[in-house]
Amino acid sequence: GDLLRRDSSLLQRVAVRSVELKAQVVQQDEKEKGLRAVLNWGHTIGHGIESLLEPALLHGECVSIGCVKEGEVSVQLGHCEPVVVDRVR
């Protein structure tokens, strides 16, 4: 809803909260031993897509596609239900 309408107040709150959460994760796992890997979700496949399609697609668009594709792999491996990937789409 409001995010898609680009409500600037909401977008600012979402951006600030995202940075706060990322900082918490980094503080808890400064050496990238486990938890910090959640920050890479979508990036592995996304960077591959980006290397092929840049500048036609932006970094965030490629990572978004990567999130869906990594979710699909997770479904195939039995790590999550298809409804999770449907929500990401």
N, C-alpha and C. Protein backbone atom coordinates (compact mmCIF):
# COMPACT_ATOMS: atom_id res chain seq x y z
N GLY A 1 0.76 -1.19 0.00
CA GLY A 1 0.00 0.00 0.00
C GLY A 1 0.82 1.27 0.00
N ASP A 2 1.08 1.79 1.20
CA ASP A 2 1.72 3.10 1.32
C ASP A 2 3.14 3.12 0.77
N LEU A 3 3.85 2.00 0.90
CA LEU A 3 5.21 1.95 0.34
C LEU A 3 5.17 2.10 -1.17
N LEU A 4 4.21 1.42 -1.80
CA LEU A 4 4.11 1.50 -3.26
C LEU A 4 3.68 2.88 -3.71
N ARG A 5 2.98 3.60 -2.84
CA ARG A 5 2.59 4.99 -3.16
C ARG A 5 3.72 5.97 -2.86
N ARG A 6 4.81 5.42 -2.36
CA ARG A 6 6.02 6.20 -2.06
C ARG A 6 5.78 7.28 -1.02
N ASP A 7 5.06 6.91 0.02
CA ASP A 7 4.84 7.79 1.16
C ASP A 7 6.21 8.09 1.77
N SER A 8 6.70 9.32 1.62
CA SER A 8 8.07 9.64 2.01
C SER A 8 8.31 9.46 3.51
N SER A 9 7.33 9.76 4.33
CA SER A 9 7.48 9.57 5.77
C SER A 9 7.65 8.09 6.10
N LEU A 10 6.83 7.25 5.49
CA LEU A 10 6.92 5.80 5.72
C LEU A 10 8.23 5.25 5.16
N LEU A 11 8.61 5.68 3.97
CA LEU A 11 9.87 5.22 3.39
C LEU A 11 11.05 5.57 4.28
N GLN A 12 11.03 6.75 4.86
CA GLN A 12 12.12 7.16 5.76
C GLN A 12 12.15 6.27 7.00
N ARG A 13 10.99 5.99 7.58
CA ARG A 13 10.94 5.13 8.76
C ARG A 13 11.42 3.71 8.43
N VAL A 14 11.03 3.20 7.27
CA VAL A 14 11.47 1.86 6.86
C VAL A 14 12.99 1.84 6.66
N ALA A 15 13.53 2.87 6.02
CA ALA A 15 14.98 2.92 5.79
C ALA A 15 15.75 2.99 7.11
N VAL A 16 15.29 3.83 8.03
CA VAL A 16 15.96 3.96 9.32
C VAL A 16 15.91 2.64 10.07
N ARG A 17 14.75 2.00 10.09
CA ARG A 17 14.61 0.72 10.81
C ARG A 17 15.48 -0.36 10.17
N SER A 18 15.57 -0.35 8.85
CA SER A 18 16.41 -1.33 8.15
C SER A 18 17.87 -1.17 8.55
N VAL A 19 18.33 0.06 8.63
CA VAL A 19 19.72 0.32 9.02
C VAL A 19 19.94 -0.11 10.47
N GLU A 20 18.96 0.16 11.34
CA GLU A 20 19.08 -0.26 12.74
C GLU A 20 19.19 -1.78 12.85
N LEU A 21 18.34 -2.48 12.12
CA LEU A 21 18.37 -3.95 12.17
C LEU A 21 19.68 -4.50 11.62
N LYS A 22 20.15 -3.91 10.52
CA LYS A 22 21.42 -4.37 9.94
C LYS A 22 22.56 -4.15 10.93
N ALA A 23 22.56 -3.01 11.60
CA ALA A 23 23.61 -2.72 12.58
C ALA A 23 23.58 -3.72 13.73
N GLN A 24 22.38 -4.09 14.17
CA GLN A 24 22.26 -5.09 15.24
C GLN A 24 22.84 -6.44 14.82
N VAL A 25 22.55 -6.84 13.58
CA VAL A 25 23.07 -8.11 13.07
C VAL A 25 24.59 -8.07 13.00
N VAL A 26 25.12 -6.98 12.48
CA VAL A 26 26.58 -6.85 12.34
C VAL A 26 27.24 -6.84 13.72
N GLN A 27 26.63 -6.17 14.70
CA GLN A 27 27.19 -6.15 16.05
C GLN A 27 27.20 -7.55 16.67
N GLN A 28 26.16 -8.33 16.39
CA GLN A 28 26.07 -9.68 16.95
C GLN A 28 27.01 -10.66 16.26
N ASP A 29 27.40 -10.35 15.03
CA ASP A 29 28.24 -11.28 14.26
C ASP A 29 29.28 -10.50 13.46
N GLU A 30 30.18 -9.86 14.18
CA GLU A 30 31.18 -9.00 13.53
C GLU A 30 32.12 -9.76 12.60
N LYS A 31 32.33 -11.03 12.86
CA LYS A 31 33.28 -11.83 12.08
C LYS A 31 32.62 -12.68 11.01
N GLU A 32 31.34 -12.45 10.75
CA GLU A 32 30.58 -13.21 9.75
C GLU A 32 30.69 -14.72 9.97
N LYS A 33 30.34 -15.16 11.16
CA LYS A 33 30.41 -16.58 11.51
C LYS A 33 29.06 -17.29 11.41
N GLY A 34 27.99 -16.57 11.13
CA GLY A 34 26.69 -17.24 11.07
C GLY A 34 25.53 -16.30 10.77
N LEU A 35 25.06 -15.62 11.82
CA LEU A 35 23.85 -14.79 11.70
C LEU A 35 23.97 -13.77 10.57
N ARG A 36 25.11 -13.19 10.41
CA ARG A 36 25.30 -12.12 9.43
C ARG A 36 24.99 -12.57 7.99
N ALA A 37 25.01 -13.86 7.76
CA ALA A 37 24.70 -14.38 6.43
C ALA A 37 23.29 -14.00 5.99
N VAL A 38 22.38 -13.72 6.96
CA VAL A 38 21.02 -13.33 6.57
C VAL A 38 21.02 -12.04 5.75
N LEU A 39 22.05 -11.23 5.93
CA LEU A 39 22.13 -9.97 5.18
C LEU A 39 22.47 -10.20 3.71
N ASN A 40 22.91 -11.40 3.38
CA ASN A 40 23.30 -11.70 2.00
C ASN A 40 22.17 -12.33 1.19
N TRP A 41 21.01 -12.52 1.81
CA TRP A 41 19.89 -13.17 1.13
C TRP A 41 19.59 -12.49 -0.20
N GLY A 42 19.57 -13.26 -1.25
CA GLY A 42 19.28 -12.76 -2.58
C GLY A 42 20.49 -12.24 -3.34
N HIS A 43 21.58 -11.97 -2.63
CA HIS A 43 22.74 -11.37 -3.26
C HIS A 43 23.55 -12.35 -4.12
N THR A 44 23.63 -13.60 -3.73
CA THR A 44 24.45 -14.54 -4.50
C THR A 44 23.94 -14.66 -5.92
N ILE A 45 22.68 -14.98 -6.06
CA ILE A 45 22.09 -15.07 -7.40
C ILE A 45 21.93 -13.68 -8.01
N GLY A 46 21.55 -12.72 -7.17
CA GLY A 46 21.35 -11.34 -7.66
C GLY A 46 22.59 -10.75 -8.30
N HIS A 47 23.75 -10.99 -7.71
CA HIS A 47 24.98 -10.45 -8.30
C HIS A 47 25.29 -11.11 -9.64
N GLY A 48 24.96 -12.38 -9.77
CA GLY A 48 25.14 -13.05 -11.06
C GLY A 48 24.25 -12.42 -12.12
N ILE A 49 23.00 -12.18 -11.77
CA ILE A 49 22.05 -11.54 -12.69
C ILE A 49 22.55 -10.13 -13.03
N GLU A 50 22.99 -9.42 -12.02
CA GLU A 50 23.48 -8.06 -12.21
C GLU A 50 24.66 -8.01 -13.17
N SER A 51 25.55 -8.99 -13.05
CA SER A 51 26.73 -8.98 -13.92
C SER A 51 26.35 -9.19 -15.38
N LEU A 52 25.22 -9.86 -15.61
CA LEU A 52 24.76 -10.10 -16.98
C LEU A 52 23.90 -8.97 -17.52
N LEU A 53 23.14 -8.32 -16.65
CA LEU A 53 22.11 -7.39 -17.14
C LEU A 53 22.33 -5.93 -16.80
N GLU A 54 23.39 -5.62 -16.06
CA GLU A 54 23.65 -4.22 -15.75
C GLU A 54 24.01 -3.48 -17.02
N PRO A 55 23.56 -2.31 -17.31
CA PRO A 55 22.78 -1.41 -16.49
C PRO A 55 21.26 -1.50 -16.71
N ALA A 56 20.80 -2.50 -17.44
CA ALA A 56 19.36 -2.60 -17.72
C ALA A 56 18.55 -2.77 -16.44
N LEU A 57 19.10 -3.49 -15.46
CA LEU A 57 18.43 -3.66 -14.17
C LEU A 57 19.31 -3.07 -13.07
N LEU A 58 18.68 -2.47 -12.09
CA LEU A 58 19.40 -1.91 -10.95
C LEU A 58 19.81 -3.01 -9.98
N HIS A 59 20.77 -2.70 -9.12
CA HIS A 59 21.26 -3.65 -8.12
C HIS A 59 20.10 -4.21 -7.30
N GLY A 60 19.25 -3.36 -6.79
CA GLY A 60 18.13 -3.80 -5.96
C GLY A 60 17.16 -4.69 -6.72
N GLU A 61 16.96 -4.41 -7.98
CA GLU A 61 16.08 -5.27 -8.79
C GLU A 61 16.69 -6.65 -8.94
N CYS A 62 17.99 -6.71 -9.17
CA CYS A 62 18.67 -8.00 -9.32
C CYS A 62 18.64 -8.78 -8.02
N VAL A 63 18.85 -8.11 -6.89
CA VAL A 63 18.80 -8.78 -5.60
C VAL A 63 17.38 -9.28 -5.32
N SER A 64 16.38 -8.49 -5.71
CA SER A 64 14.98 -8.92 -5.53
C SER A 64 14.71 -10.21 -6.30
N ILE A 65 15.18 -10.27 -7.52
CA ILE A 65 15.03 -11.50 -8.31
C ILE A 65 15.77 -12.63 -7.62
N GLY A 66 16.97 -12.33 -7.11
CA GLY A 66 17.76 -13.33 -6.39
C GLY A 66 17.03 -13.86 -5.16
N CYS A 67 16.30 -13.00 -4.46
CA CYS A 67 15.53 -13.44 -3.29
C CYS A 67 14.48 -14.47 -3.70
N VAL A 68 13.79 -14.18 -4.79
CA VAL A 68 12.76 -15.12 -5.27
C VAL A 68 13.41 -16.44 -5.68
N LYS A 69 14.48 -16.36 -6.44
CA LYS A 69 15.13 -17.58 -6.92
C LYS A 69 15.72 -18.39 -5.77
N GLU A 70 16.34 -17.72 -4.80
CA GLU A 70 16.89 -18.45 -3.65
C GLU A 70 15.75 -19.06 -2.83
N GLY A 71 14.62 -18.37 -2.76
CA GLY A 71 13.45 -18.93 -2.10
C GLY A 71 12.95 -20.18 -2.81
N GLU A 72 12.95 -20.15 -4.14
CA GLU A 72 12.53 -21.32 -4.90
C GLU A 72 13.45 -22.52 -4.65
N VAL A 73 14.74 -22.25 -4.55
CA VAL A 73 15.69 -23.32 -4.22
C VAL A 73 15.38 -23.86 -2.82
N SER A 74 15.09 -22.99 -1.88
CA SER A 74 14.76 -23.42 -0.52
C SER A 74 13.52 -24.31 -0.49
N VAL A 75 12.54 -23.99 -1.33
CA VAL A 75 11.35 -24.83 -1.43
C VAL A 75 11.74 -26.21 -1.95
N GLN A 76 12.55 -26.23 -3.00
CA GLN A 76 12.97 -27.50 -3.59
C GLN A 76 13.75 -28.37 -2.59
N LEU A 77 14.49 -27.71 -1.71
CA LEU A 77 15.29 -28.44 -0.71
C LEU A 77 14.48 -28.78 0.53
N GLY A 78 13.23 -28.31 0.57
CA GLY A 78 12.37 -28.60 1.71
C GLY A 78 12.59 -27.71 2.92
N HIS A 79 13.25 -26.56 2.71
CA HIS A 79 13.54 -25.65 3.83
C HIS A 79 12.44 -24.64 4.10
N CYS A 80 11.55 -24.44 3.14
CA CYS A 80 10.42 -23.54 3.36
C CYS A 80 9.26 -23.93 2.45
N GLU A 81 8.13 -23.36 2.77
CA GLU A 81 6.91 -23.66 2.01
C GLU A 81 6.77 -22.69 0.85
N PRO A 82 6.11 -23.12 -0.24
CA PRO A 82 5.91 -22.24 -1.39
C PRO A 82 5.23 -20.92 -1.04
N VAL A 83 4.39 -20.92 -0.02
CA VAL A 83 3.69 -19.68 0.36
C VAL A 83 4.68 -18.59 0.75
N VAL A 84 5.84 -18.97 1.29
CA VAL A 84 6.86 -17.99 1.66
C VAL A 84 7.38 -17.28 0.40
N VAL A 85 7.65 -18.05 -0.63
CA VAL A 85 8.15 -17.46 -1.88
C VAL A 85 7.06 -16.62 -2.53
N ASP A 86 5.83 -17.07 -2.43
CA ASP A 86 4.71 -16.29 -2.99
C ASP A 86 4.64 -14.91 -2.33
N ARG A 87 4.89 -14.85 -1.03
CA ARG A 87 4.87 -13.55 -0.34
C ARG A 87 6.00 -12.65 -0.82
N VAL A 88 7.14 -13.23 -1.13
CA VAL A 88 8.30 -12.45 -1.60
C VAL A 88 8.02 -11.88 -2.98
N ARG A 89 7.37 -12.70 -3.81
CA ARG A 89 7.04 -12.23 -5.16
C ARG A 89 6.18 -11.00 -5.08
